[in-house]
Amino acid sequence: MNGASQVTRPTVRVATDKDVPTLVSLVQSAYRGEQSRAGWTTEADLLDGQRTDAEGVADAVRGPDGRMLLMESDGEVVACCQLERREGHAYFGMFAVRPTLQGGGIGRVLLAHAERFARDEWGVTEMRMTVISLREELLAWYERRGYTRTGQRSAFPYGDERFGVPTREDLEFELLVKTLD
């Protein structure tokens, strides 16, 4: 498990308002700051500042066309993701696994659960996401799970600190898609 700690009997559920502070902390720890360096999904070399905030997570939890899924093990939140129902597809984002547990299969399990949820609950046949194009290792991880790099790029929101403070000037997102069978 690449040094990752064990997770026993994980369960997945839809997040509620009471989960917002825990989810903000989890997402921040997985992507930014020194704590994120314990895992392999860190963006600490690309971005400083916050990855999300309570308002953004609360919007994802409460949105009529969205859900935040979280995975718990032994009563603790160990992973989460956002799903948003859009025209003909679902958007997948805010994916985070506790850094000390990354590499142990939790992310793979939660991603598969999110895909089933989007297909079975919303009837969508495609999942989409955007990933910072410089994140080759992460892009490869999604490709191994059936996602296709489209080559479609979109600008990083420079100047909007809700998404972090870039340490580089060449950040952009790439769209990935997967057909949900």
C-alpha atoms as a PDB file:
ATOM      1  CA  MET A   1       0.000   0.000   0.000  1.00  0.00           C
ATOM      2  CA  ASN A   2       2.904   2.383  -0.596  1.00  0.00           C
ATOM      3  CA  GLY A   3       3.261   3.077   3.116  1.00  0.00           C
ATOM      4  CA  ALA A   4      -0.375   4.130   3.441  1.00  0.00           C
ATOM      5  CA  SER A   5      -2.181   3.334   6.654  1.00  0.00           C
ATOM      6  CA  GLN A   6      -4.935   0.734   6.678  1.00  0.00           C
ATOM      7  CA  VAL A   7      -8.583   1.665   6.244  1.00  0.00           C
ATOM      8  CA  THR A   8     -11.092  -0.745   7.695  1.00  0.00           C
ATOM      9  CA  ARG A   9     -14.627  -1.162   6.401  1.00  0.00           C
ATOM     10  CA  PRO A  10     -14.979   2.157   4.595  1.00  0.00           C
ATOM     11  CA  THR A  11     -18.472   3.458   3.928  1.00  0.00           C
ATOM     12  CA  VAL A  12     -19.589   6.131   1.474  1.00  0.00           C
ATOM     13  CA  ARG A  13     -22.403   8.574   2.114  1.00  0.00           C
ATOM     14  CA  VAL A  14     -23.694  11.929   0.911  1.00  0.00           C
ATOM     15  CA  ALA A  15     -22.241  14.832   2.907  1.00  0.00           C
ATOM     16  CA  THR A  16     -24.406  17.204   4.939  1.00  0.00           C
ATOM     17  CA  ASP A  17     -23.925  20.720   6.280  1.00  0.00           C
ATOM     18  CA  LYS A  18     -22.324  19.363   9.450  1.00  0.00           C
ATOM     19  CA  ASP A  19     -19.538  17.819   7.338  1.00  0.00           C
ATOM     20  CA  VAL A  20     -18.446  21.108   5.724  1.00  0.00           C
ATOM     21  CA  PRO A  21     -15.597  22.025   8.145  1.00  0.00           C
ATOM     22  CA  THR A  22     -14.163  18.508   7.983  1.00  0.00           C
ATOM     23  CA  LEU A  23     -14.329  18.466   4.188  1.00  0.00           C
ATOM     24  CA  VAL A  24     -12.621  21.866   3.862  1.00  0.00           C
ATOM     25  CA  SER A  25      -9.800  20.621   6.079  1.00  0.00           C
ATOM     26  CA  LEU A  26      -9.489  17.336   4.150  1.00  0.00           C
ATOM     27  CA  VAL A  27      -9.364  19.014   0.745  1.00  0.00           C
ATOM     28  CA  GLN A  28      -6.837  21.574   1.937  1.00  0.00           C
ATOM     29  CA  SER A  29      -4.617  18.890   3.483  1.00  0.00           C
ATOM     30  CA  ALA A  30      -4.619  16.806   0.298  1.00  0.00           C
ATOM     31  CA  TYR A  31      -3.554  19.612  -2.040  1.00  0.00           C
ATOM     32  CA  ARG A  32      -1.815  22.481  -0.289  1.00  0.00           C
ATOM     33  CA  GLY A  33       0.826  23.134   2.311  1.00  0.00           C
ATOM     34  CA  GLU A  34       3.400  20.877   3.926  1.00  0.00           C
ATOM     35  CA  GLN A  35       0.792  18.374   5.134  1.00  0.00           C
ATOM     36  CA  SER A  36      -0.112  17.626   1.495  1.00  0.00           C
ATOM     37  CA  ARG A  37       3.440  16.454   0.777  1.00  0.00           C
ATOM     38  CA  ALA A  38       2.736  13.239   2.729  1.00  0.00           C
ATOM     39  CA  GLY A  39       0.697  12.111  -0.292  1.00  0.00           C
ATOM     40  CA  TRP A  40       1.286  12.124  -4.027  1.00  0.00           C
ATOM     41  CA  THR A  41      -1.550  14.463  -5.115  1.00  0.00           C
ATOM     42  CA  THR A  42      -0.060  17.648  -3.689  1.00  0.00           C
ATOM     43  CA  GLU A  43      -0.246  20.874  -5.655  1.00  0.00           C
ATOM     44  CA  ALA A  44       2.065  22.602  -3.168  1.00  0.00           C
ATOM     45  CA  ASP A  45       4.724  23.198  -5.826  1.00  0.00           C
ATOM     46  CA  LEU A  46       2.187  24.842  -8.152  1.00  0.00           C
ATOM     47  CA  LEU A  47      -0.122  26.771  -5.834  1.00  0.00           C
ATOM     48  CA  ASP A  48      -0.113  28.389  -2.419  1.00  0.00           C
ATOM     49  CA  GLY A  49      -3.140  29.489  -0.446  1.00  0.00           C
ATOM     50  CA  GLN A  50      -6.428  27.695  -0.196  1.00  0.00           C
ATOM     51  CA  ARG A  51      -7.814  24.913  -2.380  1.00  0.00           C
ATOM     52  CA  THR A  52     -11.398  25.622  -1.324  1.00  0.00           C
ATOM     53  CA  ASP A  53     -13.320  27.340   1.427  1.00  0.00           C
ATOM     54  CA  ALA A  54     -16.386  26.696   3.578  1.00  0.00           C
ATOM     55  CA  GLU A  55     -18.646  28.617   1.205  1.00  0.00           C
ATOM     56  CA  GLY A  56     -17.527  26.584  -1.813  1.00  0.00           C
ATOM     57  CA  VAL A  57     -17.948  23.268  -0.011  1.00  0.00           C
ATOM     58  CA  ALA A  58     -21.319  24.316   1.439  1.00  0.00           C
ATOM     59  CA  ASP A  59     -22.491  25.249  -2.066  1.00  0.00           C
ATOM     60  CA  ALA A  60     -21.452  21.801  -3.308  1.00  0.00           C
ATOM     61  CA  VAL A  61     -23.242  20.102  -0.387  1.00  0.00           C
ATOM     62  CA  ARG A  62     -26.454  22.115  -0.791  1.00  0.00           C
ATOM     63  CA  GLY A  63     -26.616  22.498  -4.565  1.00  0.00           C
ATOM     64  CA  PRO A  64     -29.795  21.080  -6.125  1.00  0.00           C
ATOM     65  CA  ASP A  65     -27.792  19.439  -8.914  1.00  0.00           C
ATOM     66  CA  GLY A  66     -24.809  18.379  -6.861  1.00  0.00           C
ATOM     67  CA  ARG A  67     -23.588  16.082  -4.157  1.00  0.00           C
ATOM     68  CA  MET A  68     -20.487  15.809  -2.035  1.00  0.00           C
ATOM     69  CA  LEU A  69     -19.716  12.173  -1.341  1.00  0.00           C
ATOM     70  CA  LEU A  70     -17.489  11.267   1.547  1.00  0.00           C
ATOM     71  CA  MET A  71     -15.836   8.061   2.622  1.00  0.00           C
ATOM     72  CA  GLU A  72     -15.533   7.229   6.297  1.00  0.00           C
ATOM     73  CA  SER A  73     -13.504   4.606   8.065  1.00  0.00           C
ATOM     74  CA  ASP A  74     -13.824   3.984  11.782  1.00  0.00           C
ATOM     75  CA  GLY A  75     -15.915   7.136  12.093  1.00  0.00           C
ATOM     76  CA  GLU A  76     -13.367   9.421  10.403  1.00  0.00           C
ATOM     77  CA  VAL A  77     -13.656  11.066   6.999  1.00  0.00           C
ATOM     78  CA  VAL A  78     -10.812   9.773   4.831  1.00  0.00           C
ATOM     79  CA  ALA A  79     -11.852  10.873   1.329  1.00  0.00           C
ATOM     80  CA  CYS A  80     -14.377  12.993  -0.545  1.00  0.00           C
ATOM     81  CA  CYS A  81     -15.451  14.141  -3.981  1.00  0.00           C
ATOM     82  CA  GLN A  82     -17.921  16.511  -5.558  1.00  0.00           C
ATOM     83  CA  LEU A  83     -20.414  15.515  -8.224  1.00  0.00           C
ATOM     84  CA  GLU A  84     -22.444  18.005 -10.203  1.00  0.00           C
ATOM     85  CA  ARG A  85     -25.202  17.035 -12.623  1.00  0.00           C
ATOM     86  CA  ARG A  86     -24.901  19.042 -15.801  1.00  0.00           C
ATOM     87  CA  GLU A  87     -26.503  18.886 -19.224  1.00  0.00           C
ATOM     88  CA  GLY A  88     -26.027  15.237 -20.274  1.00  0.00           C
ATOM     89  CA  HIS A  89     -23.073  14.483 -18.007  1.00  0.00           C
ATOM     90  CA  ALA A  90     -21.746  14.651 -14.465  1.00  0.00           C
ATOM     91  CA  TYR A  91     -18.799  16.781 -13.414  1.00  0.00           C
ATOM     92  CA  PHE A  92     -16.342  15.268 -10.915  1.00  0.00           C
ATOM     93  CA  GLY A  93     -14.216  17.501  -8.717  1.00  0.00           C
ATOM     94  CA  MET A  94     -12.892  18.402  -5.272  1.00  0.00           C
ATOM     95  CA  PHE A  95     -11.496  14.864  -5.012  1.00  0.00           C
ATOM     96  CA  ALA A  96      -9.381  14.397  -1.906  1.00  0.00           C
ATOM     97  CA  VAL A  97      -7.898  11.485   0.035  1.00  0.00           C
ATOM     98  CA  ARG A  98      -6.163  11.992   3.363  1.00  0.00           C
ATOM     99  CA  PRO A  99      -2.464  12.337   2.403  1.00  0.00           C
ATOM    100  CA  THR A 100      -1.235   9.536   4.691  1.00  0.00           C
ATOM    101  CA  LEU A 101      -3.731   7.149   3.056  1.00  0.00           C
ATOM    102  CA  GLN A 102      -2.986   7.974  -0.584  1.00  0.00           C
ATOM    103  CA  GLY A 103      -1.716   5.093  -2.661  1.00  0.00           C
ATOM    104  CA  GLY A 104      -3.777   2.511  -0.798  1.00  0.00           C
ATOM    105  CA  GLY A 105      -6.762   2.219  -3.159  1.00  0.00           C
ATOM    106  CA  ILE A 106      -9.213   4.525  -1.370  1.00  0.00           C
ATOM    107  CA  GLY A 107      -9.338   6.988  -4.253  1.00  0.00           C
ATOM    108  CA  ARG A 108      -9.963   4.239  -6.769  1.00  0.00           C
ATOM    109  CA  VAL A 109     -12.885   2.927  -4.679  1.00  0.00           C
ATOM    110  CA  LEU A 110     -14.443   6.366  -4.190  1.00  0.00           C
ATOM    111  CA  LEU A 111     -14.066   7.278  -7.873  1.00  0.00           C
ATOM    112  CA  ALA A 112     -15.831   4.050  -8.891  1.00  0.00           C
ATOM    113  CA  HIS A 113     -18.597   4.753  -6.363  1.00  0.00           C
ATOM    114  CA  ALA A 114     -19.016   8.289  -7.761  1.00  0.00           C
ATOM    115  CA  GLU A 115     -19.267   6.950 -11.307  1.00  0.00           C
ATOM    116  CA  ARG A 116     -21.954   4.434 -10.272  1.00  0.00           C
ATOM    117  CA  PHE A 117     -23.839   7.139  -8.365  1.00  0.00           C
ATOM    118  CA  ALA A 118     -23.841   9.487 -11.383  1.00  0.00           C
ATOM    119  CA  ARG A 119     -24.953   6.720 -13.736  1.00  0.00           C
ATOM    120  CA  ASP A 120     -27.538   5.056 -11.485  1.00  0.00           C
ATOM    121  CA  GLU A 121     -28.987   8.066  -9.621  1.00  0.00           C
ATOM    122  CA  TRP A 122     -28.847  10.683 -12.376  1.00  0.00           C
ATOM    123  CA  GLY A 123     -28.885   8.507 -15.488  1.00  0.00           C
ATOM    124  CA  VAL A 124     -25.900  10.263 -17.053  1.00  0.00           C
ATOM    125  CA  THR A 125     -23.636   8.392 -19.424  1.00  0.00           C
ATOM    126  CA  GLU A 126     -20.517  10.526 -19.179  1.00  0.00           C
ATOM    127  CA  MET A 127     -18.273  11.839 -16.410  1.00  0.00           C
ATOM    128  CA  ARG A 128     -16.112  14.917 -16.987  1.00  0.00           C
ATOM    129  CA  MET A 129     -13.407  16.584 -14.956  1.00  0.00           C
ATOM    130  CA  THR A 130     -10.648  19.118 -15.348  1.00  0.00           C
ATOM    131  CA  VAL A 131      -7.090  18.576 -14.135  1.00  0.00           C
ATOM    132  CA  ILE A 132      -4.153  20.978 -14.137  1.00  0.00           C
ATOM    133  CA  SER A 133      -2.339  20.013 -17.334  1.00  0.00           C
ATOM    134  CA  LEU A 134       1.080  19.955 -15.629  1.00  0.00           C
ATOM    135  CA  ARG A 135      -0.071  17.122 -13.324  1.00  0.00           C
ATOM    136  CA  GLU A 136       1.160  14.288 -15.585  1.00  0.00           C
ATOM    137  CA  GLU A 137       1.178  11.654 -12.828  1.00  0.00           C
ATOM    138  CA  LEU A 138      -2.416  12.477 -11.878  1.00  0.00           C
ATOM    139  CA  LEU A 139      -3.544  12.583 -15.503  1.00  0.00           C
ATOM    140  CA  ALA A 140      -1.986   9.135 -16.004  1.00  0.00           C
ATOM    141  CA  TRP A 141      -3.818   7.838 -12.903  1.00  0.00           C
ATOM    142  CA  TYR A 142      -7.159   8.926 -14.402  1.00  0.00           C
ATOM    143  CA  GLU A 143      -6.238   7.444 -17.778  1.00  0.00           C
ATOM    144  CA  ARG A 144      -5.641   4.077 -16.080  1.00  0.00           C
ATOM    145  CA  ARG A 145      -9.216   4.362 -14.796  1.00  0.00           C
ATOM    146  CA  GLY A 146     -10.671   4.843 -18.261  1.00  0.00           C
ATOM    147  CA  TYR A 147     -10.613   8.627 -18.633  1.00  0.00           C
ATOM    148  CA  THR A 148      -9.549  10.134 -21.947  1.00  0.00           C
ATOM    149  CA  ARG A 149      -7.540  13.310 -22.293  1.00  0.00           C
ATOM    150  CA  THR A 150      -9.406  15.514 -24.743  1.00  0.00           C
ATOM    151  CA  GLY A 151      -6.708  18.095 -25.362  1.00  0.00           C
ATOM    152  CA  GLN A 152      -9.307  20.786 -24.601  1.00  0.00           C
ATOM    153  CA  ARG A 153      -7.727  23.361 -22.334  1.00  0.00           C
ATOM    154  CA  SER A 154      -9.193  26.125 -20.224  1.00  0.00           C
ATOM    155  CA  ALA A 155      -7.552  28.973 -18.379  1.00  0.00           C
ATOM    156  CA  PHE A 156      -6.633  28.802 -14.712  1.00  0.00           C
ATOM    157  CA  PRO A 157      -8.498  31.544 -12.783  1.00  0.00           C
ATOM    158  CA  TYR A 158      -5.439  33.724 -12.084  1.00  0.00           C
ATOM    159  CA  GLY A 159      -6.269  36.508  -9.655  1.00  0.00           C
ATOM    160  CA  ASP A 160      -9.101  34.602  -7.947  1.00  0.00           C
ATOM    161  CA  GLU A 161      -7.531  33.520  -4.666  1.00  0.00           C
ATOM    162  CA  ARG A 162     -10.501  31.261  -3.881  1.00  0.00           C
ATOM    163  CA  PHE A 163      -8.645  28.743  -6.059  1.00  0.00           C
ATOM    164  CA  GLY A 164      -5.197  29.425  -4.685  1.00  0.00           C
ATOM    165  CA  VAL A 165      -2.218  31.613  -5.426  1.00  0.00           C
ATOM    166  CA  PRO A 166      -0.258  30.278  -8.409  1.00  0.00           C
ATOM    167  CA  THR A 167       3.498  30.015  -8.119  1.00  0.00           C
ATOM    168  CA  ARG A 168       3.811  29.627 -11.915  1.00  0.00           C
ATOM    169  CA  GLU A 169       2.441  31.454 -14.923  1.00  0.00           C
ATOM    170  CA  ASP A 170       1.711  28.400 -17.097  1.00  0.00           C
ATOM    171  CA  LEU A 171      -1.225  26.784 -15.294  1.00  0.00           C
ATOM    172  CA  GLU A 172      -4.249  25.620 -17.254  1.00  0.00           C
ATOM    173  CA  PHE A 173      -6.817  22.860 -17.010  1.00  0.00           C
ATOM    174  CA  GLU A 174      -7.331  19.915 -19.339  1.00  0.00           C
ATOM    175  CA  LEU A 175     -10.722  18.279 -19.804  1.00  0.00           C
ATOM    176  CA  LEU A 176     -10.936  14.517 -19.240  1.00  0.00           C
ATOM    177  CA  VAL A 177     -13.998  12.409 -20.084  1.00  0.00           C
ATOM    178  CA  LYS A 178     -15.190   8.862 -19.499  1.00  0.00           C
ATOM    179  CA  THR A 179     -18.226   7.033 -20.811  1.00  0.00           C
ATOM    180  CA  LEU A 180     -20.113   5.441 -17.919  1.00  0.00           C
ATOM    181  CA  ASP A 181     -21.240   1.938 -18.847  1.00  0.00           C
END
